[in-house]
Structure formats: structure tokens, C-alpha cells
C-alpha atoms as a PDB file:
ATOM      1  CA  UNK A   1     119.653 -27.181   5.357  1.00  0.00           C
ATOM      2  CA  UNK A   2     118.272 -30.595   6.066  1.00  0.00           C
ATOM      3  CA  UNK A   3     115.214 -32.180   4.460  1.00  0.00           C
ATOM      4  CA  UNK A   4     113.942 -34.958   6.754  1.00  0.00           C
ATOM      5  CA  UNK A   5     111.279 -37.577   6.216  1.00  0.00           C
ATOM      6  CA  UNK A   6     110.056 -40.778   7.843  1.00  0.00           C
ATOM      7  CA  UNK A   7     109.478 -43.979   5.902  1.00  0.00           C
ATOM      8  CA  UNK A   8     107.251 -46.806   7.107  1.00  0.00           C
ATOM      9  CA  UNK A   9     107.659 -50.153   5.329  1.00  0.00           C
ATOM     10  CA  UNK A  10     104.337 -51.935   4.739  1.00  0.00           C
ATOM     11  CA  UNK A  11     103.714 -55.507   5.897  1.00  0.00           C
ATOM     12  CA  UNK A  12     105.157 -58.142   3.615  1.00  0.00           C
ATOM     13  CA  UNK A  13     108.060 -55.930   2.523  1.00  0.00           C
ATOM     14  CA  UNK A  14     111.526 -55.201   3.847  1.00  0.00           C
ATOM     15  CA  UNK A  15     113.503 -51.999   4.374  1.00  0.00           C
ATOM     16  CA  UNK A  16     116.142 -53.290   1.960  1.00  0.00           C
ATOM     17  CA  UNK A  17     113.607 -53.019  -0.880  1.00  0.00           C
ATOM     18  CA  UNK A  18     113.147 -49.332  -0.181  1.00  0.00           C
ATOM     19  CA  UNK A  19     116.867 -48.820   0.408  1.00  0.00           C
ATOM     20  CA  UNK A  20     117.581 -50.049  -3.113  1.00  0.00           C
ATOM     21  CA  UNK A  21     115.173 -47.508  -4.617  1.00  0.00           C
ATOM     22  CA  UNK A  22     116.420 -44.795  -2.267  1.00  0.00           C
ATOM     23  CA  UNK A  23     120.047 -45.298  -3.341  1.00  0.00           C
ATOM     24  CA  UNK A  24     119.132 -45.176  -7.040  1.00  0.00           C
ATOM     25  CA  UNK A  25     117.089 -41.982  -6.610  1.00  0.00           C
ATOM     26  CA  UNK A  26     119.711 -40.395  -4.349  1.00  0.00           C
ATOM     27  CA  UNK A  27     122.466 -40.985  -6.893  1.00  0.00           C
ATOM     28  CA  UNK A  28     120.492 -38.914  -9.409  1.00  0.00           C
ATOM     29  CA  UNK A  29     119.315 -36.242  -6.964  1.00  0.00           C
ATOM     30  CA  UNK A  30     122.826 -35.730  -5.596  1.00  0.00           C
ATOM     31  CA  UNK A  31     123.984 -34.540  -9.016  1.00  0.00           C
ATOM     32  CA  UNK A  32     121.954 -31.332  -8.516  1.00  0.00           C
ATOM     33  CA  UNK A  33     123.739 -28.116  -7.560  1.00  0.00           C
ATOM     34  CA  UNK A  34     123.758 -27.631  -3.791  1.00  0.00           C
ATOM     35  CA  UNK A  35     123.224 -31.306  -2.917  1.00  0.00           C
ATOM     36  CA  UNK A  36     125.496 -32.300  -0.008  1.00  0.00           C
ATOM     37  CA  UNK A  37     124.608 -35.933   0.639  1.00  0.00           C
ATOM     38  CA  UNK A  38     121.926 -38.163   2.045  1.00  0.00           C
ATOM     39  CA  UNK A  39     121.537 -40.621   4.908  1.00  0.00           C
ATOM     40  CA  UNK A  40     119.048 -43.415   5.533  1.00  0.00           C
ATOM     41  CA  UNK A  41     118.673 -44.766   9.085  1.00  0.00           C
ATOM     42  CA  UNK A  42     116.719 -47.703  10.501  1.00  0.00           C
ATOM     43  CA  UNK A  43     114.962 -47.186  13.834  1.00  0.00           C
ATOM     44  CA  UNK A  44     116.395 -49.259  16.675  1.00  0.00           C
ATOM     45  CA  UNK A  45     113.939 -52.005  17.562  1.00  0.00           C
ATOM     46  CA  UNK A  46     111.690 -51.425  14.528  1.00  0.00           C
ATOM     47  CA  UNK A  47     113.148 -52.661  11.228  1.00  0.00           C
ATOM     48  CA  UNK A  48     110.199 -51.226   9.293  1.00  0.00           C
ATOM     49  CA  UNK A  49     110.719 -47.623  10.406  1.00  0.00           C
ATOM     50  CA  UNK A  50     113.334 -45.505   8.644  1.00  0.00           C
ATOM     51  CA  UNK A  51     114.347 -41.873   8.655  1.00  0.00           C
ATOM     52  CA  UNK A  52     115.974 -40.189   5.679  1.00  0.00           C
ATOM     53  CA  UNK A  53     117.977 -36.978   5.823  1.00  0.00           C
ATOM     54  CA  UNK A  54     119.044 -35.043   2.747  1.00  0.00           C
ATOM     55  CA  UNK A  55     121.608 -32.270   3.182  1.00  0.00           C
ATOM     56  CA  UNK A  56     121.521 -29.195   0.923  1.00  0.00           C
ATOM     57  CA  UNK A  57     123.410 -25.912   0.713  1.00  0.00           C
ATOM     58  CA  UNK A  58     120.072 -24.069   0.804  1.00  0.00           C
ATOM     59  CA  UNK A  59     116.311 -24.464   0.544  1.00  0.00           C
ATOM     60  CA  UNK A  60     116.545 -22.626  -2.772  1.00  0.00           C
ATOM     61  CA  UNK A  61     118.861 -25.342  -4.171  1.00  0.00           C
ATOM     62  CA  UNK A  62     116.548 -28.124  -3.045  1.00  0.00           C
ATOM     63  CA  UNK A  63     113.456 -26.374  -4.415  1.00  0.00           C
ATOM     64  CA  UNK A  64     115.276 -25.805  -7.725  1.00  0.00           C
ATOM     65  CA  UNK A  65     116.045 -29.525  -7.979  1.00  0.00           C
ATOM     66  CA  UNK A  66     112.386 -30.375  -7.308  1.00  0.00           C
ATOM     67  CA  UNK A  67     111.173 -27.902  -9.953  1.00  0.00           C
ATOM     68  CA  UNK A  68     113.299 -29.580 -12.643  1.00  0.00           C
ATOM     69  CA  UNK A  69     111.338 -32.857 -12.231  1.00  0.00           C
ATOM     70  CA  UNK A  70     113.616 -35.660 -13.374  1.00  0.00           C
ATOM     71  CA  UNK A  71     111.398 -38.429 -14.815  1.00  0.00           C
ATOM     72  CA  UNK A  72     113.977 -41.050 -13.799  1.00  0.00           C
ATOM     73  CA  UNK A  73     113.630 -40.032 -10.136  1.00  0.00           C
ATOM     74  CA  UNK A  74     109.825 -39.963 -10.451  1.00  0.00           C
ATOM     75  CA  UNK A  75     109.861 -43.511 -11.885  1.00  0.00           C
ATOM     76  CA  UNK A  76     112.010 -44.783  -9.006  1.00  0.00           C
ATOM     77  CA  UNK A  77     109.773 -43.145  -6.403  1.00  0.00           C
ATOM     78  CA  UNK A  78     106.668 -44.522  -8.115  1.00  0.00           C
ATOM     79  CA  UNK A  79     108.181 -48.030  -8.108  1.00  0.00           C
ATOM     80  CA  UNK A  80     108.642 -47.898  -4.309  1.00  0.00           C
ATOM     81  CA  UNK A  81     105.271 -46.295  -3.527  1.00  0.00           C
ATOM     82  CA  UNK A  82     103.261 -49.550  -3.199  1.00  0.00           C
ATOM     83  CA  UNK A  83     105.302 -50.831  -0.256  1.00  0.00           C
ATOM     84  CA  UNK A  84     106.042 -47.692   1.773  1.00  0.00           C
ATOM     85  CA  UNK A  85     104.324 -44.790   3.480  1.00  0.00           C
ATOM     86  CA  UNK A  86     106.384 -41.607   3.479  1.00  0.00           C
ATOM     87  CA  UNK A  87     105.742 -38.672   5.795  1.00  0.00           C
ATOM     88  CA  UNK A  88     107.674 -35.449   5.405  1.00  0.00           C
ATOM     89  CA  UNK A  89     108.901 -34.270   8.786  1.00  0.00           C
ATOM     90  CA  UNK A  90     110.176 -30.939   7.551  1.00  0.00           C
ATOM     91  CA  UNK A  91     112.938 -28.693   6.349  1.00  0.00           C
ATOM     92  CA  UNK A  92     115.483 -27.521   8.895  1.00  0.00           C
ATOM     93  CA  UNK A  93     118.117 -24.827   8.706  1.00  0.00           C
ATOM     94  CA  UNK A  94     121.636 -25.567   9.830  1.00  0.00           C
ATOM     95  CA  UNK A  95     122.093 -24.328  13.404  1.00  0.00           C
ATOM     96  CA  UNK A  96     123.765 -20.972  13.880  1.00  0.00           C
ATOM     97  CA  UNK A  97     125.616 -22.394  16.828  1.00  0.00           C
ATOM     98  CA  UNK A  98     125.936 -25.698  18.613  1.00  0.00           C
ATOM     99  CA  UNK A  99     126.707 -26.301  22.276  1.00  0.00           C
ATOM    100  CA  UNK A 100     128.457 -29.601  23.004  1.00  0.00           C
ATOM    101  CA  UNK A 101     129.408 -31.005  26.395  1.00  0.00           C
ATOM    102  CA  UNK A 102     133.133 -31.126  27.170  1.00  0.00           C
ATOM    103  CA  UNK A 103     134.926 -34.238  25.952  1.00  0.00           C
ATOM    104  CA  UNK A 104     135.816 -36.743  28.650  1.00  0.00           C
ATOM    105  CA  UNK A 105     139.309 -38.214  28.499  1.00  0.00           C
END
């Protein structure tokens, strides 16, 4: 499953500030069972808009990680809170099937 959220960097700050905190928190979170990686993307044309995607084996695994409450992760998130606004976009299951156009040679 994918856990997706949008990050908005507040005026006077830069995305790189959040990226530093995000990497530190992700390194800890990714040690949890079922964690399959994370991605942070900057929006084209808007350097203060980011999207983060965390990949998990299941919603159960992600919820289990959240219920364990790692104070180190909480401290990192708290340190970034003054300069970002975070909006959870949702939790998405992996698709059962995917249709792709034919490859052009």
C-alpha cells in the first residue's frame, strides 16, 4: 500500500530544510517490519510544494509502526513542524492490475 501526503513549505524556509528532517525520520521508520521505502518529490514549477509517498507491505504494518510511537521520530517531526504544513492525501492499495500502453520502438 501507499501512504501519500502533501507538504507545503512556509515562507522564509526551503524544501531542503524539510528534506533533511524527512530523511532522518524515514531512516528510522524504514526499520519497521513491512516498510518498503519512501520517496519525496518536488512539484514542477513550485519549489515549496512537495509530495511524499511511503510504500508498505500492508496497512496493518504501517498502523503497527504508528502504534509503537518512536520518540525519536516524534522529535524529528516536531522539529520540522514550524516551517511546513502537512496534509494527508490518503492510503492507497496497490492496484490489482495495471494497463500500460504498448512500448514504442
